[in-house]
Amino acid sequence: MSKSKIAILMGSQSDKAVMEKTGEVLREFGVAFEMHVLSAHRKPKAVAEFASQAKANGFQVIIAGAGMAAHLA
């Protein structure tokens, strides 16, 4: 297992099917990851808190997506 830890963020539960494909690739390479549904549009404070604590929580990479509005991830 790699020592890297990646966060996969999506703007809504409806994005999960697409973002899960990212998780499949990471699993193939033995990379640890967590998936989170966090919408910058609906819960900006939660997204800001996650981002500010990401490094302290061991995340080295954040992959974000939000359907047709990725700026909301």
PDB file of N, CA and C in Angstrom:
ATOM      1  N   MET A   1       0.846  -1.181   0.000  1.00  0.00           N
ATOM      2  CA  MET A   1       0.000   0.000   0.000  1.00  0.00           C
ATOM      3  C   MET A   1       0.889   1.241   0.000  1.00  0.00           C
ATOM      4  N   SER A   2       0.562   2.169  -0.837  1.00  0.00           N
ATOM      5  CA  SER A   2       1.288   3.429  -0.926  1.00  0.00           C
ATOM      6  C   SER A   2       1.046   4.253   0.336  1.00  0.00           C
ATOM      7  N   LYS A   3       1.982   5.156   0.648  1.00  0.00           N
ATOM      8  CA  LYS A   3       1.817   6.043   1.796  1.00  0.00           C
ATOM      9  C   LYS A   3       0.996   7.274   1.434  1.00  0.00           C
ATOM     10  N   SER A   4       0.713   7.475   0.159  1.00  0.00           N
ATOM     11  CA  SER A   4      -0.091   8.614  -0.269  1.00  0.00           C
ATOM     12  C   SER A   4      -1.514   8.467   0.240  1.00  0.00           C
ATOM     13  N   LYS A   5      -2.135   9.580   0.536  1.00  0.00           N
ATOM     14  CA  LYS A   5      -3.539   9.582   0.934  1.00  0.00           C
ATOM     15  C   LYS A   5      -4.231  10.651   0.108  1.00  0.00           C
ATOM     16  N   ILE A   6      -5.280  10.249  -0.575  1.00  0.00           N
ATOM     17  CA  ILE A   6      -5.971  11.131  -1.507  1.00  0.00           C
ATOM     18  C   ILE A   6      -7.413  11.314  -1.071  1.00  0.00           C
ATOM     19  N   ALA A   7      -7.912  12.539  -1.200  1.00  0.00           N
ATOM     20  CA  ALA A   7      -9.325  12.832  -0.964  1.00  0.00           C
ATOM     21  C   ALA A   7     -10.004  12.989  -2.317  1.00  0.00           C
ATOM     22  N   ILE A   8     -11.103  12.289  -2.492  1.00  0.00           N
ATOM     23  CA  ILE A   8     -11.930  12.452  -3.687  1.00  0.00           C
ATOM     24  C   ILE A   8     -13.191  13.168  -3.231  1.00  0.00           C
ATOM     25  N   LEU A   9     -13.376  14.379  -3.722  1.00  0.00           N
ATOM     26  CA  LEU A   9     -14.524  15.192  -3.329  1.00  0.00           C
ATOM     27  C   LEU A   9     -15.486  15.324  -4.495  1.00  0.00           C
ATOM     28  N   MET A  10     -16.770  15.323  -4.183  1.00  0.00           N
ATOM     29  CA  MET A  10     -17.776  15.542  -5.213  1.00  0.00           C
ATOM     30  C   MET A  10     -18.829  16.488  -4.673  1.00  0.00           C
ATOM     31  N   GLY A  11     -19.456  17.202  -5.589  1.00  0.00           N
ATOM     32  CA  GLY A  11     -20.430  18.211  -5.194  1.00  0.00           C
ATOM     33  C   GLY A  11     -21.762  17.658  -4.741  1.00  0.00           C
ATOM     34  N   SER A  12     -22.116  16.454  -5.206  1.00  0.00           N
ATOM     35  CA  SER A  12     -23.376  15.849  -4.780  1.00  0.00           C
ATOM     36  C   SER A  12     -23.303  14.336  -4.936  1.00  0.00           C
ATOM     37  N   GLN A  13     -24.239  13.658  -4.306  1.00  0.00           N
ATOM     38  CA  GLN A  13     -24.296  12.202  -4.367  1.00  0.00           C
ATOM     39  C   GLN A  13     -24.464  11.718  -5.808  1.00  0.00           C
ATOM     40  N   SER A  14     -25.087  12.529  -6.654  1.00  0.00           N
ATOM     41  CA  SER A  14     -25.302  12.129  -8.045  1.00  0.00           C
ATOM     42  C   SER A  14     -23.993  12.030  -8.829  1.00  0.00           C
ATOM     43  N   ASP A  15     -22.916  12.591  -8.306  1.00  0.00           N
ATOM     44  CA  ASP A  15     -21.601  12.513  -8.959  1.00  0.00           C
ATOM     45  C   ASP A  15     -20.839  11.247  -8.576  1.00  0.00           C
ATOM     46  N   LYS A  16     -21.366  10.486  -7.630  1.00  0.00           N
ATOM     47  CA  LYS A  16     -20.618   9.358  -7.073  1.00  0.00           C
ATOM     48  C   LYS A  16     -20.273   8.298  -8.109  1.00  0.00           C
ATOM     49  N   ALA A  17     -21.182   7.983  -9.014  1.00  0.00           N
ATOM     50  CA  ALA A  17     -20.913   6.936 -10.009  1.00  0.00           C
ATOM     51  C   ALA A  17     -19.690   7.273 -10.853  1.00  0.00           C
ATOM     52  N   VAL A  18     -19.555   8.525 -11.223  1.00  0.00           N
ATOM     53  CA  VAL A  18     -18.403   8.947 -12.031  1.00  0.00           C
ATOM     54  C   VAL A  18     -17.141   8.982 -11.178  1.00  0.00           C
ATOM     55  N   MET A  19     -17.222   9.553  -9.992  1.00  0.00           N
ATOM     56  CA  MET A  19     -16.042   9.687  -9.146  1.00  0.00           C
ATOM     57  C   MET A  19     -15.564   8.340  -8.609  1.00  0.00           C
ATOM     58  N   GLU A  20     -16.461   7.371  -8.513  1.00  0.00           N
ATOM     59  CA  GLU A  20     -16.064   6.034  -8.064  1.00  0.00           C
ATOM     60  C   GLU A  20     -15.058   5.411  -9.030  1.00  0.00           C
ATOM     61  N   LYS A  21     -15.119   5.788 -10.293  1.00  0.00           N
ATOM     62  CA  LYS A  21     -14.145   5.274 -11.272  1.00  0.00           C
ATOM     63  C   LYS A  21     -12.730   5.703 -10.891  1.00  0.00           C
ATOM     64  N   THR A  22     -12.599   6.889 -10.337  1.00  0.00           N
ATOM     65  CA  THR A  22     -11.303   7.352  -9.847  1.00  0.00           C
ATOM     66  C   THR A  22     -10.831   6.450  -8.716  1.00  0.00           C
ATOM     67  N   GLY A  23     -11.741   6.121  -7.820  1.00  0.00           N
ATOM     68  CA  GLY A  23     -11.412   5.226  -6.716  1.00  0.00           C
ATOM     69  C   GLY A  23     -10.965   3.860  -7.200  1.00  0.00           C
ATOM     70  N   GLU A  24     -11.586   3.355  -8.258  1.00  0.00           N
ATOM     71  CA  GLU A  24     -11.203   2.050  -8.805  1.00  0.00           C
ATOM     72  C   GLU A  24      -9.749   2.060  -9.275  1.00  0.00           C
ATOM     73  N   VAL A  25      -9.355   3.133  -9.951  1.00  0.00           N
ATOM     74  CA  VAL A  25      -7.972   3.243 -10.429  1.00  0.00           C
ATOM     75  C   VAL A  25      -7.014   3.330  -9.248  1.00  0.00           C
ATOM     76  N   LEU A  26      -7.356   4.120  -8.248  1.00  0.00           N
ATOM     77  CA  LEU A  26      -6.489   4.250  -7.074  1.00  0.00           C
ATOM     78  C   LEU A  26      -6.345   2.913  -6.351  1.00  0.00           C
ATOM     79  N   ARG A  27      -7.432   2.158  -6.253  1.00  0.00           N
ATOM     80  CA  ARG A  27      -7.357   0.823  -5.634  1.00  0.00           C
ATOM     81  C   ARG A  27      -6.384  -0.075  -6.391  1.00  0.00           C
ATOM     82  N   GLU A  28      -6.426  -0.022  -7.722  1.00  0.00           N
ATOM     83  CA  GLU A  28      -5.526  -0.840  -8.545  1.00  0.00           C
ATOM     84  C   GLU A  28      -4.065  -0.552  -8.223  1.00  0.00           C
ATOM     85  N   PHE A  29      -3.760   0.692  -7.879  1.00  0.00           N
ATOM     86  CA  PHE A  29      -2.390   1.086  -7.570  1.00  0.00           C
ATOM     87  C   PHE A  29      -2.082   1.023  -6.074  1.00  0.00           C
ATOM     88  N   GLY A  30      -3.040   0.601  -5.277  1.00  0.00           N
ATOM     89  CA  GLY A  30      -2.823   0.482  -3.842  1.00  0.00           C
ATOM     90  C   GLY A  30      -2.709   1.809  -3.124  1.00  0.00           C
ATOM     91  N   VAL A  31      -3.388   2.827  -3.641  1.00  0.00           N
ATOM     92  CA  VAL A  31      -3.331   4.163  -3.048  1.00  0.00           C
ATOM     93  C   VAL A  31      -4.531   4.355  -2.116  1.00  0.00           C
ATOM     94  N   ALA A  32      -4.255   4.792  -0.898  1.00  0.00           N
ATOM     95  CA  ALA A  32      -5.317   5.047   0.080  1.00  0.00           C
ATOM     96  C   ALA A  32      -6.097   6.298  -0.310  1.00  0.00           C
ATOM     97  N   PHE A  33      -7.416   6.222  -0.159  1.00  0.00           N
ATOM     98  CA  PHE A  33      -8.236   7.391  -0.473  1.00  0.00           C
ATOM     99  C   PHE A  33      -9.511   7.371   0.350  1.00  0.00           C
ATOM    100  N   GLU A  34     -10.130   8.525   0.419  1.00  0.00           N
ATOM    101  CA  GLU A  34     -11.451   8.683   1.033  1.00  0.00           C
ATOM    102  C   GLU A  34     -12.310   9.473   0.064  1.00  0.00           C
ATOM    103  N   MET A  35     -13.594   9.144   0.019  1.00  0.00           N
ATOM    104  CA  MET A  35     -14.543   9.893  -0.805  1.00  0.00           C
ATOM    105  C   MET A  35     -15.467  10.693   0.106  1.00  0.00           C
ATOM    106  N   HIS A  36     -15.708  11.954  -0.292  1.00  0.00           N
ATOM    107  CA  HIS A  36     -16.572  12.838   0.490  1.00  0.00           C
ATOM    108  C   HIS A  36     -17.495  13.610  -0.441  1.00  0.00           C
ATOM    109  N   VAL A  37     -18.746  13.780  -0.039  1.00  0.00           N
ATOM    110  CA  VAL A  37     -19.682  14.645  -0.753  1.00  0.00           C
ATOM    111  C   VAL A  37     -19.693  15.975  -0.014  1.00  0.00           C
ATOM    112  N   LEU A  38     -19.167  17.006  -0.667  1.00  0.00           N
ATOM    113  CA  LEU A  38     -19.096  18.351  -0.081  1.00  0.00           C
ATOM    114  C   LEU A  38     -19.382  19.363  -1.178  1.00  0.00           C
ATOM    115  N   SER A  39     -20.445  20.093  -1.055  1.00  0.00           N
ATOM    116  CA  SER A  39     -20.810  21.081  -2.060  1.00  0.00           C
ATOM    117  C   SER A  39     -20.401  22.477  -1.608  1.00  0.00           C
ATOM    118  N   ALA A  40     -19.559  23.123  -2.397  1.00  0.00           N
ATOM    119  CA  ALA A  40     -19.157  24.499  -2.093  1.00  0.00           C
ATOM    120  C   ALA A  40     -20.345  25.445  -2.225  1.00  0.00           C
ATOM    121  N   HIS A  41     -21.321  25.059  -3.022  1.00  0.00           N
ATOM    122  CA  HIS A  41     -22.515  25.886  -3.214  1.00  0.00           C
ATOM    123  C   HIS A  41     -23.455  25.786  -2.007  1.00  0.00           C
ATOM    124  N   ARG A  42     -23.682  24.558  -1.525  1.00  0.00           N
ATOM    125  CA  ARG A  42     -24.627  24.345  -0.424  1.00  0.00           C
ATOM    126  C   ARG A  42     -23.990  24.431   0.960  1.00  0.00           C
ATOM    127  N   LYS A  43     -22.718  24.041   1.073  1.00  0.00           N
ATOM    128  CA  LYS A  43     -22.050  24.016   2.383  1.00  0.00           C
ATOM    129  C   LYS A  43     -20.631  24.573   2.280  1.00  0.00           C
ATOM    130  N   PRO A  44     -20.511  25.853   1.949  1.00  0.00           N
ATOM    131  CA  PRO A  44     -19.176  26.428   1.754  1.00  0.00           C
ATOM    132  C   PRO A  44     -18.285  26.354   2.996  1.00  0.00           C
ATOM    133  N   LYS A  45     -18.869  26.483   4.183  1.00  0.00           N
ATOM    134  CA  LYS A  45     -18.052  26.419   5.403  1.00  0.00           C
ATOM    135  C   LYS A  45     -17.471  25.027   5.602  1.00  0.00           C
ATOM    136  N   ALA A  46     -18.244  23.993   5.296  1.00  0.00           N
ATOM    137  CA  ALA A  46     -17.752  22.618   5.432  1.00  0.00           C
ATOM    138  C   ALA A  46     -16.616  22.354   4.451  1.00  0.00           C
ATOM    139  N   VAL A  47     -16.744  22.883   3.246  1.00  0.00           N
ATOM    140  CA  VAL A  47     -15.686  22.710   2.244  1.00  0.00           C
ATOM    141  C   VAL A  47     -14.426  23.445   2.683  1.00  0.00           C
ATOM    142  N   ALA A  48     -14.584  24.669   3.163  1.00  0.00           N
ATOM    143  CA  ALA A  48     -13.434  25.449   3.621  1.00  0.00           C
ATOM    144  C   ALA A  48     -12.745  24.757   4.796  1.00  0.00           C
ATOM    145  N   GLU A  49     -13.526  24.206   5.711  1.00  0.00           N
ATOM    146  CA  GLU A  49     -12.944  23.500   6.856  1.00  0.00           C
ATOM    147  C   GLU A  49     -12.188  22.254   6.391  1.00  0.00           C
ATOM    148  N   PHE A  50     -12.789  21.496   5.470  1.00  0.00           N
ATOM    149  CA  PHE A  50     -12.115  20.305   4.955  1.00  0.00           C
ATOM    150  C   PHE A  50     -10.784  20.702   4.318  1.00  0.00           C
ATOM    151  N   ALA A  51     -10.813  21.730   3.481  1.00  0.00           N
ATOM    152  CA  ALA A  51      -9.598  22.166   2.790  1.00  0.00           C
ATOM    153  C   ALA A  51      -8.536  22.645   3.773  1.00  0.00           C
ATOM    154  N   SER A  52      -8.938  23.388   4.781  1.00  0.00           N
ATOM    155  CA  SER A  52      -7.956  23.921   5.732  1.00  0.00           C
ATOM    156  C   SER A  52      -7.338  22.827   6.601  1.00  0.00           C
ATOM    157  N   GLN A  53      -8.050  21.717   6.776  1.00  0.00           N
ATOM    158  CA  GLN A  53      -7.554  20.613   7.601  1.00  0.00           C
ATOM    159  C   GLN A  53      -6.988  19.448   6.793  1.00  0.00           C
ATOM    160  N   ALA A  54      -7.057  19.535   5.470  1.00  0.00           N
ATOM    161  CA  ALA A  54      -6.660  18.406   4.620  1.00  0.00           C
ATOM    162  C   ALA A  54      -5.226  17.950   4.885  1.00  0.00           C
ATOM    163  N   LYS A  55      -4.292  18.869   4.908  1.00  0.00           N
ATOM    164  CA  LYS A  55      -2.894  18.491   5.124  1.00  0.00           C
ATOM    165  C   LYS A  55      -2.706  17.869   6.512  1.00  0.00           C
ATOM    166  N   ALA A  56      -3.300  18.472   7.518  1.00  0.00           N
ATOM    167  CA  ALA A  56      -3.189  17.947   8.882  1.00  0.00           C
ATOM    168  C   ALA A  56      -3.807  16.554   9.001  1.00  0.00           C
ATOM    169  N   ASN A  57      -4.793  16.273   8.161  1.00  0.00           N
ATOM    170  CA  ASN A  57      -5.444  14.963   8.163  1.00  0.00           C
ATOM    171  C   ASN A  57      -4.748  13.960   7.250  1.00  0.00           C
ATOM    172  N   GLY A  58      -3.599  14.347   6.718  1.00  0.00           N
ATOM    173  CA  GLY A  58      -2.784  13.414   5.955  1.00  0.00           C
ATOM    174  C   GLY A  58      -3.037  13.359   4.466  1.00  0.00           C
ATOM    175  N   PHE A  59      -3.897  14.222   3.952  1.00  0.00           N
ATOM    176  CA  PHE A  59      -4.154  14.215   2.512  1.00  0.00           C
ATOM    177  C   PHE A  59      -3.034  14.933   1.773  1.00  0.00           C
ATOM    178  N   GLN A  60      -2.533  14.291   0.738  1.00  0.00           N
ATOM    179  CA  GLN A  60      -1.490  14.881  -0.090  1.00  0.00           C
ATOM    180  C   GLN A  60      -2.050  15.388  -1.409  1.00  0.00           C
ATOM    181  N   VAL A  61      -3.198  14.847  -1.804  1.00  0.00           N
ATOM    182  CA  VAL A  61      -3.827  15.202  -3.076  1.00  0.00           C
ATOM    183  C   VAL A  61      -5.330  15.294  -2.853  1.00  0.00           C
ATOM    184  N   ILE A  62      -5.964  16.262  -3.517  1.00  0.00           N
ATOM    185  CA  ILE A  62      -7.420  16.366  -3.517  1.00  0.00           C
ATOM    186  C   ILE A  62      -7.878  16.346  -4.967  1.00  0.00           C
ATOM    187  N   ILE A  63      -8.774  15.418  -5.277  1.00  0.00           N
ATOM    188  CA  ILE A  63      -9.386  15.331  -6.600  1.00  0.00           C
ATOM    189  C   ILE A  63     -10.844  15.738  -6.413  1.00  0.00           C
ATOM    190  N   ALA A  64     -11.300  16.758  -7.140  1.00  0.00           N
ATOM    191  CA  ALA A  64     -12.661  17.256  -6.954  1.00  0.00           C
ATOM    192  C   ALA A  64     -13.420  17.291  -8.269  1.00  0.00           C
ATOM    193  N   GLY A  65     -14.708  17.038  -8.185  1.00  0.00           N
ATOM    194  CA  GLY A  65     -15.573  17.119  -9.353  1.00  0.00           C
ATOM    195  C   GLY A  65     -16.994  17.400  -8.913  1.00  0.00           C
ATOM    196  N   ALA A  66     -17.752  18.040  -9.799  1.00  0.00           N
ATOM    197  CA  ALA A  66     -19.143  18.363  -9.468  1.00  0.00           C
ATOM    198  C   ALA A  66     -19.975  18.444 -10.735  1.00  0.00           C
ATOM    199  N   GLY A  67     -20.182  17.324 -11.379  1.00  0.00           N
ATOM    200  CA  GLY A  67     -21.034  17.292 -12.562  1.00  0.00           C
ATOM    201  C   GLY A  67     -20.614  18.308 -13.596  1.00  0.00           C
ATOM    202  N   MET A  68     -21.559  19.115 -14.014  1.00  0.00           N
ATOM    203  CA  MET A  68     -21.283  20.113 -15.046  1.00  0.00           C
ATOM    204  C   MET A  68     -20.815  21.436 -14.447  1.00  0.00           C
ATOM    205  N   ALA A  69     -20.587  21.475 -13.140  1.00  0.00           N
ATOM    206  CA  ALA A  69     -20.191  22.715 -12.475  1.00  0.00           C
ATOM    207  C   ALA A  69     -19.049  22.430 -11.510  1.00  0.00           C
ATOM    208  N   ALA A  70     -17.890  22.072 -12.046  1.00  0.00           N
ATOM    209  CA  ALA A  70     -16.758  21.674 -11.208  1.00  0.00           C
ATOM    210  C   ALA A  70     -16.302  22.781 -10.265  1.00  0.00           C
ATOM    211  N   HIS A  71     -16.605  24.031 -10.582  1.00  0.00           N
ATOM    212  CA  HIS A  71     -16.219  25.116  -9.674  1.00  0.00           C
ATOM    213  C   HIS A  71     -16.981  25.043  -8.354  1.00  0.00           C
ATOM    214  N   LEU A  72     -18.031  24.228  -8.291  1.00  0.00           N
ATOM    215  CA  LEU A  72     -18.786  24.078  -7.053  1.00  0.00           C
ATOM    216  C   LEU A  72     -18.273  22.951  -6.184  1.00  0.00           C
ATOM    217  N   ALA A  73     -17.284  22.210  -6.656  1.00  0.00           N
ATOM    218  CA  ALA A  73     -16.740  21.094  -5.865  1.00  0.00           C
ATOM    219  C   ALA A  73     -15.889  21.618  -4.737  1.00  0.00           C
TER     220      ALA A  73
END
